[in-house]
Amino acid sequence: MMKKHILAVAAISMIASGAVVAQDFKEGSVLVRARAVYLDSANKDSTGLKLNVNNKTIPEVDISYFLSPNIAAELILTVPQKHRVSADTTRIGSLKHLPPTLTIQYHFQGAGFKPYVGAGLNYTRFSSVKLPAGVDIKRNSVGLALQAGVDIPIGSNLYLNFDIKKVNIGTKVSAGGAEIGKFKVDPWLAGVGLGWRF
């Protein structure tokens, strides 16, 4: 699945070389994007319970502020997302997670399309945790976030955006008050959306 997304981004970037030419980003430019993002969880579990959460498509909004023509800080936001929690194939509960992420990006300036790479930190807050009696998880997670994408101009201040992120999200699992292992969501996030430059 992720390989297909990566190939699609690469192919569209090649095609975009002849697209509408937009002005380069400048210091002080603000780029606001709205994306639909597919969350594909790694579901790495050391508890022996084969814990997993469901994959899903989520809404995402991000705001990039350009510190220079090539360097931008991006704040990535969504609303709390509900996931089913299963042990192997048996549903055992649910939870919500809110994962704001801040990255620093390098943007390659050029006519036709504008690729970028980024790295930063994710903070995830788990809430509305509903698991079997005596089972619980740590409510906070901090992890590395890596990112790559491309903005394709389709108007003077309008961009088509493709974006891929790898985010480290994990938690400790306890039963009866004793830690029994770690559960890592560590999702790939593949998004497509529109960006408006101000």
Protein backbone atom coordinates (compact mmCIF):
# COMPACT_ATOMS: atom_id res chain seq x y z
CA MET A 1 0.00 0.00 0.00
CA MET A 2 2.69 2.52 1.02
CA LYS A 3 4.86 1.68 -2.00
CA LYS A 4 1.92 2.53 -4.27
CA HIS A 5 1.49 5.91 -2.56
CA ILE A 6 5.19 6.70 -2.90
CA LEU A 7 5.21 5.74 -6.59
CA ALA A 8 2.11 7.84 -7.20
CA VAL A 9 3.74 10.91 -5.63
CA ALA A 10 6.88 10.39 -7.72
CA ALA A 11 4.89 10.01 -10.95
CA ILE A 12 2.76 13.09 -10.32
CA SER A 13 5.87 15.10 -9.46
CA MET A 14 7.39 14.18 -12.83
CA ILE A 15 4.21 15.13 -14.69
CA ALA A 16 4.00 18.38 -12.74
CA SER A 17 7.21 19.69 -14.22
CA GLY A 18 5.12 21.38 -16.88
CA ALA A 19 2.39 22.59 -14.54
CA VAL A 20 1.39 26.15 -13.72
CA VAL A 21 4.42 28.13 -12.58
CA ALA A 22 3.85 29.77 -9.21
CA GLN A 23 5.97 32.24 -7.31
CA ASP A 24 8.60 30.86 -4.94
CA PHE A 25 7.84 30.85 -1.25
CA LYS A 26 9.32 33.81 0.61
CA GLU A 27 10.21 34.61 4.19
CA GLY A 28 6.94 35.26 6.00
CA SER A 29 4.82 33.22 3.56
CA VAL A 30 2.07 31.15 5.17
CA LEU A 31 0.79 27.96 3.54
CA VAL A 32 -2.41 26.40 4.91
CA ARG A 33 -3.26 22.89 3.72
CA ALA A 34 -6.28 20.62 4.19
CA ARG A 35 -5.67 16.92 3.56
CA ALA A 36 -7.38 13.56 3.64
CA VAL A 37 -4.87 11.19 5.24
CA TYR A 38 -4.81 7.39 5.31
CA LEU A 39 -3.39 6.10 8.60
CA ASP A 40 -1.68 2.71 8.24
CA SER A 41 -0.63 1.39 11.66
CA ALA A 42 2.44 -0.80 12.24
CA ASN A 43 0.76 -2.46 15.28
CA LYS A 44 3.95 -3.66 17.00
CA ASP A 45 3.08 -5.40 20.27
CA SER A 46 5.37 -6.89 22.91
CA THR A 47 2.61 -7.92 25.35
CA GLY A 48 1.89 -11.25 23.66
CA LEU A 49 -1.75 -10.23 23.19
CA LYS A 50 -1.35 -9.34 19.48
CA LEU A 51 -2.84 -5.91 20.10
CA ASN A 52 -3.79 -3.81 17.08
CA VAL A 53 -5.82 -0.76 16.11
CA ASN A 54 -7.74 -0.31 12.88
CA ASN A 55 -6.45 1.67 9.92
CA LYS A 56 -8.60 4.57 8.76
CA THR A 57 -8.79 7.80 6.75
CA ILE A 58 -8.69 10.98 8.85
CA PRO A 59 -8.93 14.74 8.19
CA GLU A 60 -5.81 16.85 8.66
CA VAL A 61 -5.07 20.57 8.63
CA ASP A 62 -1.58 22.02 8.74
CA ILE A 63 -0.08 25.48 8.81
CA SER A 64 3.42 26.16 7.44
CA TYR A 65 5.27 29.38 8.21
CA PHE A 66 8.32 30.12 6.07
CA LEU A 67 11.32 31.31 8.06
CA SER A 68 13.19 31.70 4.76
CA PRO A 69 12.45 30.74 1.12
CA ASN A 70 13.64 27.18 1.87
CA ILE A 71 12.95 26.63 5.59
CA ALA A 72 9.46 26.34 7.08
CA ALA A 73 7.94 25.25 10.39
CA GLU A 74 4.77 23.18 10.02
CA LEU A 75 2.13 22.50 12.68
CA ILE A 76 0.02 19.45 11.80
CA LEU A 77 -3.40 19.12 13.43
CA THR A 78 -6.49 16.92 13.43
CA VAL A 79 -9.39 16.20 15.78
CA PRO A 80 -9.34 13.31 18.30
CA GLN A 81 -9.56 10.06 16.33
CA LYS A 82 -11.39 6.98 17.60
CA HIS A 83 -9.88 3.54 16.99
CA ARG A 84 -11.04 0.01 17.67
CA VAL A 85 -8.60 -1.96 19.83
CA SER A 86 -8.35 -5.70 19.15
CA ALA A 87 -6.38 -8.63 20.50
CA ASP A 88 -5.60 -10.59 17.36
CA THR A 89 -9.02 -10.57 15.62
CA THR A 90 -11.17 -10.08 18.74
CA ARG A 91 -12.27 -6.54 19.53
CA ILE A 92 -11.56 -5.72 23.19
CA GLY A 93 -12.25 -2.00 23.37
CA SER A 94 -11.57 1.42 21.89
CA LEU A 95 -9.62 4.62 22.44
CA LYS A 96 -9.17 8.10 21.00
CA HIS A 97 -5.86 9.74 20.14
CA LEU A 98 -4.96 13.36 19.43
CA PRO A 99 -1.57 13.60 17.66
CA PRO A 100 -0.39 17.19 17.00
CA THR A 101 2.97 17.23 15.23
CA LEU A 102 5.54 19.98 14.65
CA THR A 103 8.12 19.61 11.88
CA ILE A 104 10.89 21.72 10.38
CA GLN A 105 10.93 21.42 6.60
CA TYR A 106 13.37 22.09 3.79
CA HIS A 107 11.61 23.17 0.58
CA PHE A 108 13.32 22.79 -2.79
CA GLN A 109 12.39 25.81 -4.90
CA GLY A 110 11.77 25.35 -8.60
CA ALA A 111 9.31 25.91 -11.41
CA GLY A 112 6.49 23.39 -11.84
CA PHE A 113 6.56 21.65 -8.46
CA LYS A 114 8.06 22.14 -5.01
CA PRO A 115 9.17 19.01 -3.10
CA TYR A 116 10.07 19.12 0.58
CA VAL A 117 11.38 16.97 3.41
CA GLY A 118 10.86 17.46 7.11
CA ALA A 119 11.57 16.12 10.58
CA GLY A 120 10.16 16.94 13.97
CA LEU A 121 8.29 15.74 17.05
CA ASN A 122 4.86 14.25 17.63
CA TYR A 123 2.94 14.44 20.88
CA THR A 124 -0.01 12.06 21.19
CA ARG A 125 -2.63 12.16 23.93
CA PHE A 126 -4.75 9.03 24.40
CA SER A 127 -8.24 9.53 25.83
CA SER A 128 -11.62 7.78 26.17
CA VAL A 129 -9.72 4.53 26.77
CA LYS A 130 -12.15 1.63 27.11
CA LEU A 131 -10.37 -1.68 27.71
CA PRO A 132 -11.11 -4.83 29.75
CA ALA A 133 -11.19 -4.38 33.54
CA GLY A 134 -7.71 -4.03 34.97
CA VAL A 135 -6.06 -3.29 31.61
CA ASP A 136 -4.78 0.23 30.95
CA ILE A 137 -2.29 2.22 28.86
CA LYS A 138 -0.03 5.20 29.44
CA ARG A 139 -1.88 8.29 28.21
CA ASN A 140 1.01 10.25 26.62
CA SER A 141 3.47 9.55 23.79
CA VAL A 142 6.31 11.63 22.36
CA GLY A 143 8.14 10.47 19.25
CA LEU A 144 10.02 11.36 16.09
CA ALA A 145 8.18 12.34 12.90
CA LEU A 146 9.67 12.19 9.39
CA GLN A 147 8.03 13.66 6.32
CA ALA A 148 8.32 14.07 2.56
CA GLY A 149 5.96 15.62 0.08
CA VAL A 150 5.39 17.88 -2.86
CA ASP A 151 3.33 21.01 -3.55
CA ILE A 152 2.20 21.26 -7.17
CA PRO A 153 0.99 24.71 -8.27
CA ILE A 154 -2.44 24.72 -9.88
CA GLY A 155 -2.95 28.47 -9.55
CA SER A 156 -1.04 31.57 -8.44
CA ASN A 157 -1.66 30.81 -4.74
CA LEU A 158 -3.22 27.34 -4.87
CA TYR A 159 -1.36 24.02 -4.63
CA LEU A 160 -2.15 20.35 -4.94
CA ASN A 161 -0.32 18.56 -2.13
CA PHE A 162 0.88 14.99 -1.65
CA ASP A 163 2.50 14.10 1.67
CA ILE A 164 3.89 11.00 3.39
CA LYS A 165 4.85 10.83 7.07
CA LYS A 166 6.24 8.19 9.42
CA VAL A 167 5.38 8.94 13.04
CA ASN A 168 6.54 7.15 16.19
CA ILE A 169 3.54 6.68 18.49
CA GLY A 170 3.63 4.14 21.32
CA THR A 171 2.38 3.41 24.81
CA LYS A 172 3.02 1.11 27.77
CA VAL A 173 0.35 -1.49 28.56
CA SER A 174 -0.43 -2.58 32.11
CA ALA A 175 -2.65 -5.22 33.68
CA GLY A 176 -3.51 -5.19 37.36
CA GLY A 177 -1.16 -2.24 37.81
CA ALA A 178 1.89 -4.06 36.42
CA GLU A 179 3.47 -3.26 33.07
CA ILE A 180 3.15 -6.19 30.65
CA GLY A 181 4.70 -4.70 27.52
CA LYS A 182 4.63 -1.95 24.93
CA PHE A 183 2.29 -1.30 22.05
CA LYS A 184 3.56 0.78 19.13
CA VAL A 185 1.16 2.22 16.57
CA ASP A 186 4.04 3.84 14.57
CA PRO A 187 1.83 4.68 11.56
CA TRP A 188 2.59 5.63 7.99
CA LEU A 189 0.36 8.55 6.96
CA ALA A 190 -0.28 9.13 3.26
CA GLY A 191 -2.18 12.31 2.45
CA VAL A 192 -3.56 14.30 -0.45
CA GLY A 193 -5.08 17.76 -0.29
CA LEU A 194 -5.02 21.41 -1.26
CA GLY A 195 -2.83 24.24 -0.01
CA TRP A 196 -3.49 27.98 0.01
CA ARG A 197 -0.61 30.43 0.23
CA PHE A 198 -1.04 33.76 2.00
